[in-house]
Amino acid sequence: MGNFVIDVEAVGGHGCQREKGDGARIESCGSPGCPDCLTRRFVEELRRVGCSLVRGRLIHWPGQQGSVEDDLLSGIRTGSF
């Protein structure tokens, strides 16, 4: 077993739960076309097959003022839209 890192930067689409702010728990909306939920499902699938996850995060507007980060392991959002 060894470490591996998956790094994907994407543009387009619009995710869900933009109304939830800093400290909120983010759950899946269940929409098959939601890029945020697709990312959450991928992380859950890695867990399901036995991967030990060190870090998982979804960063909205990375490197910009007002960026928002969803911790994909704890489900907690940092920042607000």
C-alpha atoms as a PDB file:
ATOM      1  CA  MET A   1       0.000   0.000   0.000  1.00  0.00           C
ATOM      2  CA  GLY A   2       1.182   3.488  -0.756  1.00  0.00           C
ATOM      3  CA  ASN A   3       0.016   7.046  -0.797  1.00  0.00           C
ATOM      4  CA  PHE A   4      -1.692   8.593  -3.782  1.00  0.00           C
ATOM      5  CA  VAL A   5      -3.127  12.043  -4.424  1.00  0.00           C
ATOM      6  CA  ILE A   6      -6.012  12.920  -6.723  1.00  0.00           C
ATOM      7  CA  ASP A   7      -6.026  16.589  -7.751  1.00  0.00           C
ATOM      8  CA  VAL A   8      -8.795  17.789 -10.049  1.00  0.00           C
ATOM      9  CA  GLU A   9      -9.515  21.407 -10.931  1.00  0.00           C
ATOM     10  CA  ALA A  10     -12.761  21.954 -12.802  1.00  0.00           C
ATOM     11  CA  VAL A  11     -14.746  24.882 -14.174  1.00  0.00           C
ATOM     12  CA  GLY A  12     -18.468  24.973 -14.819  1.00  0.00           C
ATOM     13  CA  GLY A  13     -21.602  23.598 -13.365  1.00  0.00           C
ATOM     14  CA  HIS A  14     -23.229  24.821 -10.195  1.00  0.00           C
ATOM     15  CA  GLY A  15     -23.383  22.804  -7.032  1.00  0.00           C
ATOM     16  CA  CYS A  16     -25.951  22.727  -4.285  1.00  0.00           C
ATOM     17  CA  GLN A  17     -26.486  24.126  -0.812  1.00  0.00           C
ATOM     18  CA  ARG A  18     -25.032  27.563  -1.459  1.00  0.00           C
ATOM     19  CA  GLU A  19     -27.358  28.904   1.236  1.00  0.00           C
ATOM     20  CA  LYS A  20     -25.437  27.036   3.963  1.00  0.00           C
ATOM     21  CA  GLY A  21     -22.727  29.074   5.637  1.00  0.00           C
ATOM     22  CA  ASP A  22     -19.630  28.746   7.748  1.00  0.00           C
ATOM     23  CA  GLY A  23     -19.744  25.766  10.129  1.00  0.00           C
ATOM     24  CA  ALA A  24     -22.772  24.160   8.469  1.00  0.00           C
ATOM     25  CA  ARG A  25     -22.912  20.434   7.751  1.00  0.00           C
ATOM     26  CA  ILE A  26     -23.166  19.795   4.026  1.00  0.00           C
ATOM     27  CA  GLU A  27     -25.150  16.736   2.918  1.00  0.00           C
ATOM     28  CA  SER A  28     -25.792  15.390  -0.564  1.00  0.00           C
ATOM     29  CA  CYS A  29     -28.739  16.863  -2.461  1.00  0.00           C
ATOM     30  CA  GLY A  30     -28.983  13.606  -4.422  1.00  0.00           C
ATOM     31  CA  SER A  31     -29.044  15.204  -7.862  1.00  0.00           C
ATOM     32  CA  PRO A  32     -27.049  13.107 -10.353  1.00  0.00           C
ATOM     33  CA  GLY A  33     -25.976  16.284 -12.187  1.00  0.00           C
ATOM     34  CA  CYS A  34     -24.661  18.185  -9.152  1.00  0.00           C
ATOM     35  CA  PRO A  35     -20.850  18.517  -9.346  1.00  0.00           C
ATOM     36  CA  ASP A  36     -20.574  19.009  -5.561  1.00  0.00           C
ATOM     37  CA  CYS A  37     -22.515  15.805  -4.850  1.00  0.00           C
ATOM     38  CA  LEU A  38     -20.616  13.884  -7.530  1.00  0.00           C
ATOM     39  CA  THR A  39     -17.421  14.805  -5.678  1.00  0.00           C
ATOM     40  CA  ARG A  40     -18.901  13.732  -2.335  1.00  0.00           C
ATOM     41  CA  ARG A  41     -20.012  10.393  -3.825  1.00  0.00           C
ATOM     42  CA  PHE A  42     -16.506   9.792  -5.193  1.00  0.00           C
ATOM     43  CA  VAL A  43     -14.965  10.340  -1.747  1.00  0.00           C
ATOM     44  CA  GLU A  44     -17.534   8.030  -0.156  1.00  0.00           C
ATOM     45  CA  GLU A  45     -16.778   5.368  -2.780  1.00  0.00           C
ATOM     46  CA  LEU A  46     -13.064   5.543  -1.905  1.00  0.00           C
ATOM     47  CA  ARG A  47     -13.995   4.994   1.748  1.00  0.00           C
ATOM     48  CA  ARG A  48     -16.304   2.121   0.795  1.00  0.00           C
ATOM     49  CA  VAL A  49     -13.526   0.228  -0.988  1.00  0.00           C
ATOM     50  CA  GLY A  50     -11.230   0.568   2.025  1.00  0.00           C
ATOM     51  CA  CYS A  51      -9.066   3.596   1.284  1.00  0.00           C
ATOM     52  CA  SER A  52      -7.859   5.469   4.353  1.00  0.00           C
ATOM     53  CA  LEU A  53      -8.489   9.109   3.548  1.00  0.00           C
ATOM     54  CA  VAL A  54      -6.106  11.711   4.913  1.00  0.00           C
ATOM     55  CA  ARG A  55      -7.723  14.803   3.431  1.00  0.00           C
ATOM     56  CA  GLY A  56     -10.605  15.590   1.134  1.00  0.00           C
ATOM     57  CA  ARG A  57     -11.799  19.062   0.306  1.00  0.00           C
ATOM     58  CA  LEU A  58     -13.881  20.859  -2.252  1.00  0.00           C
ATOM     59  CA  ILE A  59     -12.724  24.459  -2.666  1.00  0.00           C
ATOM     60  CA  HIS A  60     -15.079  26.884  -4.362  1.00  0.00           C
ATOM     61  CA  TRP A  61     -13.229  29.781  -6.045  1.00  0.00           C
ATOM     62  CA  PRO A  62      -9.736  28.670  -4.922  1.00  0.00           C
ATOM     63  CA  GLY A  63      -7.183  31.407  -4.408  1.00  0.00           C
ATOM     64  CA  GLN A  64      -9.787  34.149  -4.538  1.00  0.00           C
ATOM     65  CA  GLN A  65     -11.089  36.378  -1.796  1.00  0.00           C
ATOM     66  CA  GLY A  66     -14.247  34.792  -0.424  1.00  0.00           C
ATOM     67  CA  SER A  67     -13.316  31.207  -1.292  1.00  0.00           C
ATOM     68  CA  VAL A  68     -15.419  28.555   0.452  1.00  0.00           C
ATOM     69  CA  GLU A  69     -14.115  25.128   1.461  1.00  0.00           C
ATOM     70  CA  ASP A  70     -16.127  21.993   2.122  1.00  0.00           C
ATOM     71  CA  ASP A  71     -14.303  19.333   4.134  1.00  0.00           C
ATOM     72  CA  LEU A  72     -15.332  16.128   2.374  1.00  0.00           C
ATOM     73  CA  LEU A  73     -14.393  13.952   5.349  1.00  0.00           C
ATOM     74  CA  SER A  74     -16.255  15.805   8.090  1.00  0.00           C
ATOM     75  CA  GLY A  75     -18.923  17.436   5.914  1.00  0.00           C
ATOM     76  CA  ILE A  76     -18.302  20.859   7.468  1.00  0.00           C
ATOM     77  CA  ARG A  77     -18.141  24.063   5.409  1.00  0.00           C
ATOM     78  CA  THR A  78     -15.632  26.850   6.060  1.00  0.00           C
ATOM     79  CA  GLY A  79     -16.694  30.228   4.693  1.00  0.00           C
ATOM     80  CA  SER A  80     -19.936  31.475   3.203  1.00  0.00           C
ATOM     81  CA  PHE A  81     -21.157  32.278  -0.279  1.00  0.00           C
END
